[in-house]
Amino acid sequence: MDQQQRSPDSVVVAYLVGVPLAVAGFALVFSS
């Protein structure tokens, strides 16, 4: 059987936390 290679949990957390943090930061920079 072929198993799909999963991303490590740290990668998923980095994407789930990093993208909203960056978007919120840029929103604060341009609207403050």
PDB file of all heavy atoms in Angstrom:
ATOM      1  N   MET A   1       0.814  -1.187   0.000  1.00  0.00           N
ATOM      2  CA  MET A   1       0.000   0.000   0.000  1.00  0.00           C
ATOM      3  C   MET A   1       0.860   1.253   0.000  1.00  0.00           C
ATOM      4  O   MET A   1       1.864   1.305   0.682  1.00  0.00           O
ATOM      5  CB  MET A   1      -0.833   0.026   1.273  1.00  0.00           C
ATOM      6  CG  MET A   1      -2.100  -0.724   1.174  1.00  0.00           C
ATOM      7  SD  MET A   1      -3.110  -0.027   2.471  1.00  0.00           S
ATOM      8  CE  MET A   1      -3.830  -1.413   3.156  1.00  0.00           C
ATOM      9  N   ASP A   2       0.402   2.232  -0.719  1.00  0.00           N
ATOM     10  CA  ASP A   2       1.104   3.513  -0.752  1.00  0.00           C
ATOM     11  C   ASP A   2       0.526   4.424   0.318  1.00  0.00           C
ATOM     12  O   ASP A   2      -0.670   4.632   0.394  1.00  0.00           O
ATOM     13  CB  ASP A   2       0.936   4.189  -2.117  1.00  0.00           C
ATOM     14  CG  ASP A   2       1.658   3.446  -3.215  1.00  0.00           C
ATOM     15  OD1 ASP A   2       2.727   2.884  -2.913  1.00  0.00           O
ATOM     16  OD2 ASP A   2       1.143   3.421  -4.335  1.00  0.00           O
ATOM     17  N   GLN A   3       1.402   4.930   1.144  1.00  0.00           N
ATOM     18  CA  GLN A   3       0.976   5.882   2.157  1.00  0.00           C
ATOM     19  C   GLN A   3       1.331   7.288   1.697  1.00  0.00           C
ATOM     20  O   GLN A   3       2.411   7.520   1.178  1.00  0.00           O
ATOM     21  CB  GLN A   3       1.666   5.612   3.483  1.00  0.00           C
ATOM     22  CG  GLN A   3       1.116   4.440   4.229  1.00  0.00           C
ATOM     23  CD  GLN A   3       1.774   4.335   5.596  1.00  0.00           C
ATOM     24  OE1 GLN A   3       2.925   4.720   5.761  1.00  0.00           O
ATOM     25  NE2 GLN A   3       1.038   3.823   6.552  1.00  0.00           N
ATOM     26  N   GLN A   4       0.386   8.187   1.887  1.00  0.00           N
ATOM     27  CA  GLN A   4       0.683   9.573   1.564  1.00  0.00           C
ATOM     28  C   GLN A   4       1.561  10.153   2.661  1.00  0.00           C
ATOM     29  O   GLN A   4       1.395   9.851   3.836  1.00  0.00           O
ATOM     30  CB  GLN A   4      -0.603  10.383   1.476  1.00  0.00           C
ATOM     31  CG  GLN A   4      -1.419  10.078   0.259  1.00  0.00           C
ATOM     32  CD  GLN A   4      -2.649  10.967   0.197  1.00  0.00           C
ATOM     33  OE1 GLN A   4      -3.042  11.553   1.194  1.00  0.00           O
ATOM     34  NE2 GLN A   4      -3.230  11.067  -0.973  1.00  0.00           N
ATOM     35  N   GLN A   5       2.477  10.991   2.241  1.00  0.00           N
ATOM     36  CA  GLN A   5       3.379  11.606   3.206  1.00  0.00           C
ATOM     37  C   GLN A   5       2.702  12.833   3.793  1.00  0.00           C
ATOM     38  O   GLN A   5       2.314  13.746   3.075  1.00  0.00           O
ATOM     39  CB  GLN A   5       4.683  11.996   2.524  1.00  0.00           C
ATOM     40  CG  GLN A   5       5.763  12.351   3.478  1.00  0.00           C
ATOM     41  CD  GLN A   5       7.085  12.525   2.767  1.00  0.00           C
ATOM     42  OE1 GLN A   5       7.139  12.498   1.551  1.00  0.00           O
ATOM     43  NE2 GLN A   5       8.130  12.711   3.519  1.00  0.00           N
ATOM     44  N   ARG A   6       2.528  12.823   5.097  1.00  0.00           N
ATOM     45  CA  ARG A   6       1.878  13.919   5.800  1.00  0.00           C
ATOM     46  C   ARG A   6       2.880  14.975   6.219  1.00  0.00           C
ATOM     47  O   ARG A   6       4.030  14.676   6.494  1.00  0.00           O
ATOM     48  CB  ARG A   6       1.209  13.396   7.071  1.00  0.00           C
ATOM     49  CG  ARG A   6      -0.257  13.283   6.978  1.00  0.00           C
ATOM     50  CD  ARG A   6      -0.853  12.785   8.267  1.00  0.00           C
ATOM     51  NE  ARG A   6      -0.078  13.072   9.443  1.00  0.00           N
ATOM     52  CZ  ARG A   6      -0.584  13.533  10.576  1.00  0.00           C
ATOM     53  NH1 ARG A   6      -1.849  13.739  10.677  1.00  0.00           N
ATOM     54  NH2 ARG A   6       0.191  13.747  11.624  1.00  0.00           N
ATOM     55  N   SER A   7       2.405  16.213   6.290  1.00  0.00           N
ATOM     56  CA  SER A   7       3.249  17.283   6.820  1.00  0.00           C
ATOM     57  C   SER A   7       3.315  17.149   8.339  1.00  0.00           C
ATOM     58  O   SER A   7       2.343  16.740   8.972  1.00  0.00           O
ATOM     59  CB  SER A   7       2.655  18.649   6.478  1.00  0.00           C
ATOM     60  OG  SER A   7       2.687  18.852   5.098  1.00  0.00           O
ATOM     61  N   PRO A   8       4.440  17.499   8.925  1.00  0.00           N
ATOM     62  CA  PRO A   8       4.524  17.465  10.387  1.00  0.00           C
ATOM     63  C   PRO A   8       3.535  18.449  11.018  1.00  0.00           C
ATOM     64  O   PRO A   8       3.131  19.438  10.396  1.00  0.00           O
ATOM     65  CB  PRO A   8       5.960  17.896  10.681  1.00  0.00           C
ATOM     66  CG  PRO A   8       6.689  17.754   9.423  1.00  0.00           C
ATOM     67  CD  PRO A   8       5.700  17.862   8.307  1.00  0.00           C
ATOM     68  N   ASP A   9       3.153  18.172  12.242  1.00  0.00           N
ATOM     69  CA  ASP A   9       2.198  19.043  12.930  1.00  0.00           C
ATOM     70  C   ASP A   9       2.733  20.460  13.088  1.00  0.00           C
ATOM     71  O   ASP A   9       1.963  21.418  13.078  1.00  0.00           O
ATOM     72  CB  ASP A   9       1.852  18.466  14.297  1.00  0.00           C
ATOM     73  CG  ASP A   9       1.055  17.178  14.185  1.00  0.00           C
ATOM     74  OD1 ASP A   9       0.431  16.963  13.134  1.00  0.00           O
ATOM     75  OD2 ASP A   9       1.063  16.398  15.153  1.00  0.00           O
ATOM     76  N   SER A  10       4.036  20.601  13.234  1.00  0.00           N
ATOM     77  CA  SER A  10       4.607  21.941  13.394  1.00  0.00           C
ATOM     78  C   SER A  10       4.398  22.791  12.141  1.00  0.00           C
ATOM     79  O   SER A  10       4.234  24.008  12.234  1.00  0.00           O
ATOM     80  CB  SER A  10       6.092  21.851  13.727  1.00  0.00           C
ATOM     81  OG  SER A  10       6.783  21.172  12.705  1.00  0.00           O
ATOM     82  N   VAL A  11       4.374  22.155  10.982  1.00  0.00           N
ATOM     83  CA  VAL A  11       4.138  22.899   9.733  1.00  0.00           C
ATOM     84  C   VAL A  11       2.706  23.404   9.688  1.00  0.00           C
ATOM     85  O   VAL A  11       2.442  24.557   9.337  1.00  0.00           O
ATOM     86  CB  VAL A  11       4.443  22.003   8.515  1.00  0.00           C
ATOM     87  CG1 VAL A  11       4.053  22.677   7.232  1.00  0.00           C
ATOM     88  CG2 VAL A  11       5.901  21.623   8.493  1.00  0.00           C
ATOM     89  N   VAL A  12       1.778  22.546  10.066  1.00  0.00           N
ATOM     90  CA  VAL A  12       0.365  22.937  10.065  1.00  0.00           C
ATOM     91  C   VAL A  12       0.129  24.083  11.041  1.00  0.00           C
ATOM     92  O   VAL A  12      -0.565  25.053  10.720  1.00  0.00           O
ATOM     93  CB  VAL A  12      -0.519  21.715  10.412  1.00  0.00           C
ATOM     94  CG1 VAL A  12      -1.976  22.116  10.532  1.00  0.00           C
ATOM     95  CG2 VAL A  12      -0.349  20.627   9.370  1.00  0.00           C
ATOM     96  N   VAL A  13       0.722  24.005  12.207  1.00  0.00           N
ATOM     97  CA  VAL A  13       0.576  25.068  13.199  1.00  0.00           C
ATOM     98  C   VAL A  13       1.206  26.368  12.687  1.00  0.00           C
ATOM     99  O   VAL A  13       0.642  27.448  12.860  1.00  0.00           O
ATOM    100  CB  VAL A  13       1.201  24.648  14.545  1.00  0.00           C
ATOM    101  CG1 VAL A  13       1.284  25.816  15.506  1.00  0.00           C
ATOM    102  CG2 VAL A  13       0.404  23.512  15.151  1.00  0.00           C
ATOM    103  N   ALA A  14       2.348  26.261  12.028  1.00  0.00           N
ATOM    104  CA  ALA A  14       3.006  27.462  11.496  1.00  0.00           C
ATOM    105  C   ALA A  14       2.123  28.156  10.474  1.00  0.00           C
ATOM    106  O   ALA A  14       2.025  29.388  10.463  1.00  0.00           O
ATOM    107  CB  ALA A  14       4.345  27.088  10.876  1.00  0.00           C
ATOM    108  N   TYR A  15       1.458  27.380   9.613  1.00  0.00           N
ATOM    109  CA  TYR A  15       0.573  27.987   8.618  1.00  0.00           C
ATOM    110  C   TYR A  15      -0.693  28.555   9.261  1.00  0.00           C
ATOM    111  O   TYR A  15      -1.155  29.633   8.910  1.00  0.00           O
ATOM    112  CB  TYR A  15       0.189  26.982   7.545  1.00  0.00           C
ATOM    113  CG  TYR A  15       1.329  26.614   6.623  1.00  0.00           C
ATOM    114  CD1 TYR A  15       1.470  25.320   6.132  1.00  0.00           C
ATOM    115  CD2 TYR A  15       2.270  27.547   6.231  1.00  0.00           C
ATOM    116  CE1 TYR A  15       2.510  24.978   5.299  1.00  0.00           C
ATOM    117  CE2 TYR A  15       3.317  27.210   5.398  1.00  0.00           C
ATOM    118  CZ  TYR A  15       3.426  25.922   4.929  1.00  0.00           C
ATOM    119  OH  TYR A  15       4.449  25.592   4.099  1.00  0.00           O
ATOM    120  N   LEU A  16      -1.263  27.818  10.224  1.00  0.00           N
ATOM    121  CA  LEU A  16      -2.506  28.268  10.842  1.00  0.00           C
ATOM    122  C   LEU A  16      -2.312  29.498  11.726  1.00  0.00           C
ATOM    123  O   LEU A  16      -3.230  30.297  11.881  1.00  0.00           O
ATOM    124  CB  LEU A  16      -3.124  27.135  11.674  1.00  0.00           C
ATOM    125  CG  LEU A  16      -3.714  25.980  10.880  1.00  0.00           C
ATOM    126  CD1 LEU A  16      -4.217  24.903  11.824  1.00  0.00           C
ATOM    127  CD2 LEU A  16      -4.834  26.458   9.983  1.00  0.00           C
ATOM    128  N   VAL A  17      -1.132  29.656  12.297  1.00  0.00           N
ATOM    129  CA  VAL A  17      -0.873  30.808  13.161  1.00  0.00           C
ATOM    130  C   VAL A  17      -0.206  31.935  12.381  1.00  0.00           C
ATOM    131  O   VAL A  17      -0.533  33.112  12.560  1.00  0.00           O
ATOM    132  CB  VAL A  17       0.012  30.389  14.361  1.00  0.00           C
ATOM    133  CG1 VAL A  17       0.443  31.587  15.177  1.00  0.00           C
ATOM    134  CG2 VAL A  17      -0.727  29.387  15.231  1.00  0.00           C
ATOM    135  N   GLY A  18       0.712  31.599  11.486  1.00  0.00           N
ATOM    136  CA  GLY A  18       1.508  32.611  10.798  1.00  0.00           C
ATOM    137  C   GLY A  18       0.719  33.474   9.837  1.00  0.00           C
ATOM    138  O   GLY A  18       0.897  34.704   9.806  1.00  0.00           O
ATOM    139  N   VAL A  19      -0.147  32.871   9.059  1.00  0.00           N
ATOM    140  CA  VAL A  19      -0.893  33.646   8.050  1.00  0.00           C
ATOM    141  C   VAL A  19      -1.842  34.654   8.706  1.00  0.00           C
ATOM    142  O   VAL A  19      -1.806  35.842   8.354  1.00  0.00           O
ATOM    143  CB  VAL A  19      -1.640  32.696   7.084  1.00  0.00           C
ATOM    144  CG1 VAL A  19      -2.556  33.471   6.160  1.00  0.00           C
ATOM    145  CG2 VAL A  19      -0.633  31.872   6.283  1.00  0.00           C
ATOM    146  N   PRO A  20      -2.692  34.243   9.673  1.00  0.00           N
ATOM    147  CA  PRO A  20      -3.552  35.262  10.311  1.00  0.00           C
ATOM    148  C   PRO A  20      -2.762  36.333  11.060  1.00  0.00           C
ATOM    149  O   PRO A  20      -3.159  37.501  11.079  1.00  0.00           O
ATOM    150  CB  PRO A  20      -4.417  34.461  11.281  1.00  0.00           C
ATOM    151  CG  PRO A  20      -4.381  33.078  10.796  1.00  0.00           C
ATOM    152  CD  PRO A  20      -3.054  32.905  10.136  1.00  0.00           C
ATOM    153  N   LEU A  21      -1.635  35.939  11.659  1.00  0.00           N
ATOM    154  CA  LEU A  21      -0.803  36.911  12.368  1.00  0.00           C
ATOM    155  C   LEU A  21      -0.238  37.938  11.402  1.00  0.00           C
ATOM    156  O   LEU A  21      -0.247  39.147  11.679  1.00  0.00           O
ATOM    157  CB  LEU A  21       0.321  36.194  13.115  1.00  0.00           C
ATOM    158  CG  LEU A  21       1.222  37.030  13.998  1.00  0.00           C
ATOM    159  CD1 LEU A  21       0.407  37.643  15.132  1.00  0.00           C
ATOM    160  CD2 LEU A  21       2.341  36.183  14.551  1.00  0.00           C
ATOM    161  N   ALA A  22       0.225  37.488  10.250  1.00  0.00           N
ATOM    162  CA  ALA A  22       0.770  38.413   9.253  1.00  0.00           C
ATOM    163  C   ALA A  22      -0.321  39.329   8.702  1.00  0.00           C
ATOM    164  O   ALA A  22      -0.114  40.539   8.555  1.00  0.00           O
ATOM    165  CB  ALA A  22       1.427  37.636   8.125  1.00  0.00           C
ATOM    166  N   VAL A  23      -1.483  38.768   8.421  1.00  0.00           N
ATOM    167  CA  VAL A  23      -2.586  39.581   7.879  1.00  0.00           C
ATOM    168  C   VAL A  23      -3.038  40.620   8.903  1.00  0.00           C
ATOM    169  O   VAL A  23      -3.245  41.796   8.561  1.00  0.00           O
ATOM    170  CB  VAL A  23      -3.757  38.668   7.457  1.00  0.00           C
ATOM    171  CG1 VAL A  23      -4.998  39.474   7.133  1.00  0.00           C
ATOM    172  CG2 VAL A  23      -3.354  37.826   6.258  1.00  0.00           C
ATOM    173  N   ALA A  24      -3.172  40.202  10.159  1.00  0.00           N
ATOM    174  CA  ALA A  24      -3.577  41.158  11.196  1.00  0.00           C
ATOM    175  C   ALA A  24      -2.512  42.238  11.398  1.00  0.00           C
ATOM    176  O   ALA A  24      -2.835  43.408  11.601  1.00  0.00           O
ATOM    177  CB  ALA A  24      -3.828  40.416  12.507  1.00  0.00           C
ATOM    178  N   GLY A  25      -1.255  41.843  11.319  1.00  0.00           N
ATOM    179  CA  GLY A  25      -0.177  42.821  11.461  1.00  0.00           C
ATOM    180  C   GLY A  25      -0.178  43.849  10.351  1.00  0.00           C
ATOM    181  O   GLY A  25      -0.044  45.059  10.606  1.00  0.00           O
ATOM    182  N   PHE A  26      -0.333  43.385   9.111  1.00  0.00           N
ATOM    183  CA  PHE A  26      -0.381  44.326   7.993  1.00  0.00           C
ATOM    184  C   PHE A  26      -1.611  45.226   8.085  1.00  0.00           C
ATOM    185  O   PHE A  26      -1.549  46.405   7.739  1.00  0.00           O
ATOM    186  CB  PHE A  26      -0.361  43.589   6.654  1.00  0.00           C
ATOM    187  CG  PHE A  26       0.997  43.064   6.282  1.00  0.00           C
ATOM    188  CD1 PHE A  26       1.199  41.708   6.067  1.00  0.00           C
ATOM    189  CD2 PHE A  26       2.079  43.915   6.157  1.00  0.00           C
ATOM    190  CE1 PHE A  26       2.444  41.215   5.722  1.00  0.00           C
ATOM    191  CE2 PHE A  26       3.335  43.441   5.821  1.00  0.00           C
ATOM    192  CZ  PHE A  26       3.505  42.084   5.611  1.00  0.00           C
ATOM    193  N   ALA A  27      -2.731  44.681   8.561  1.00  0.00           N
ATOM    194  CA  ALA A  27      -3.926  45.505   8.733  1.00  0.00           C
ATOM    195  C   ALA A  27      -3.695  46.590   9.776  1.00  0.00           C
ATOM    196  O   ALA A  27      -4.129  47.736   9.596  1.00  0.00           O
ATOM    197  CB  ALA A  27      -5.106  44.622   9.127  1.00  0.00           C
ATOM    198  N   LEU A  28      -3.006  46.251  10.859  1.00  0.00           N
ATOM    199  CA  LEU A  28      -2.693  47.257  11.879  1.00  0.00           C
ATOM    200  C   LEU A  28      -1.748  48.331  11.349  1.00  0.00           C
ATOM    201  O   LEU A  28      -1.899  49.507  11.661  1.00  0.00           O
ATOM    202  CB  LEU A  28      -2.048  46.597  13.097  1.00  0.00           C
ATOM    203  CG  LEU A  28      -2.969  46.142  14.203  1.00  0.00           C
ATOM    204  CD1 LEU A  28      -2.179  45.404  15.271  1.00  0.00           C
ATOM    205  CD2 LEU A  28      -3.708  47.293  14.809  1.00  0.00           C
ATOM    206  N   VAL A  29      -0.778  47.905  10.555  1.00  0.00           N
ATOM    207  CA  VAL A  29       0.189  48.877  10.023  1.00  0.00           C
ATOM    208  C   VAL A  29      -0.505  49.899   9.136  1.00  0.00           C
ATOM    209  O   VAL A  29      -0.262  51.106   9.246  1.00  0.00           O
ATOM    210  CB  VAL A  29       1.308  48.150   9.244  1.00  0.00           C
ATOM    211  CG1 VAL A  29       2.133  49.130   8.432  1.00  0.00           C
ATOM    212  CG2 VAL A  29       2.199  47.379  10.190  1.00  0.00           C
ATOM    213  N   PHE A  30      -1.382  49.438   8.272  1.00  0.00           N
ATOM    214  CA  PHE A  30      -1.971  50.344   7.290  1.00  0.00           C
ATOM    215  C   PHE A  30      -3.212  51.076   7.785  1.00  0.00           C
ATOM    216  O   PHE A  30      -3.638  52.045   7.175  1.00  0.00           O
ATOM    217  CB  PHE A  30      -2.291  49.583   6.003  1.00  0.00           C
ATOM    218  CG  PHE A  30      -1.053  49.137   5.280  1.00  0.00           C
ATOM    219  CD1 PHE A  30      -0.782  47.796   5.102  1.00  0.00           C
ATOM    220  CD2 PHE A  30      -0.139  50.061   4.800  1.00  0.00           C
ATOM    221  CE1 PHE A  30       0.363  47.383   4.436  1.00  0.00           C
ATOM    222  CE2 PHE A  30       1.014  49.662   4.150  1.00  0.00           C
ATOM    223  CZ  PHE A  30       1.262  48.317   3.973  1.00  0.00           C
ATOM    224  N   SER A  31      -3.803  50.615   8.894  1.00  0.00           N
ATOM    225  CA  SER A  31      -5.016  51.286   9.365  1.00  0.00           C
ATOM    226  C   SER A  31      -4.805  52.084  10.639  1.00  0.00           C
ATOM    227  O   SER A  31      -5.713  52.763  11.087  1.00  0.00           O
ATOM    228  CB  SER A  31      -6.118  50.252   9.603  1.00  0.00           C
ATOM    229  OG  SER A  31      -5.769  49.413  10.685  1.00  0.00           O
ATOM    230  N   SER A  32      -3.623  52.009  11.219  1.00  0.00           N
ATOM    231  CA  SER A  32      -3.389  52.656  12.508  1.00  0.00           C
ATOM    232  C   SER A  32      -2.884  54.078  12.330  1.00  0.00           C
ATOM    233  O   SER A  32      -2.012  54.351  11.515  1.00  0.00           O
ATOM    234  CB  SER A  32      -2.373  51.851  13.312  1.00  0.00           C
ATOM    235  OG  SER A  32      -2.066  52.533  14.490  1.00  0.00           O
TER     236      SER A  32
END
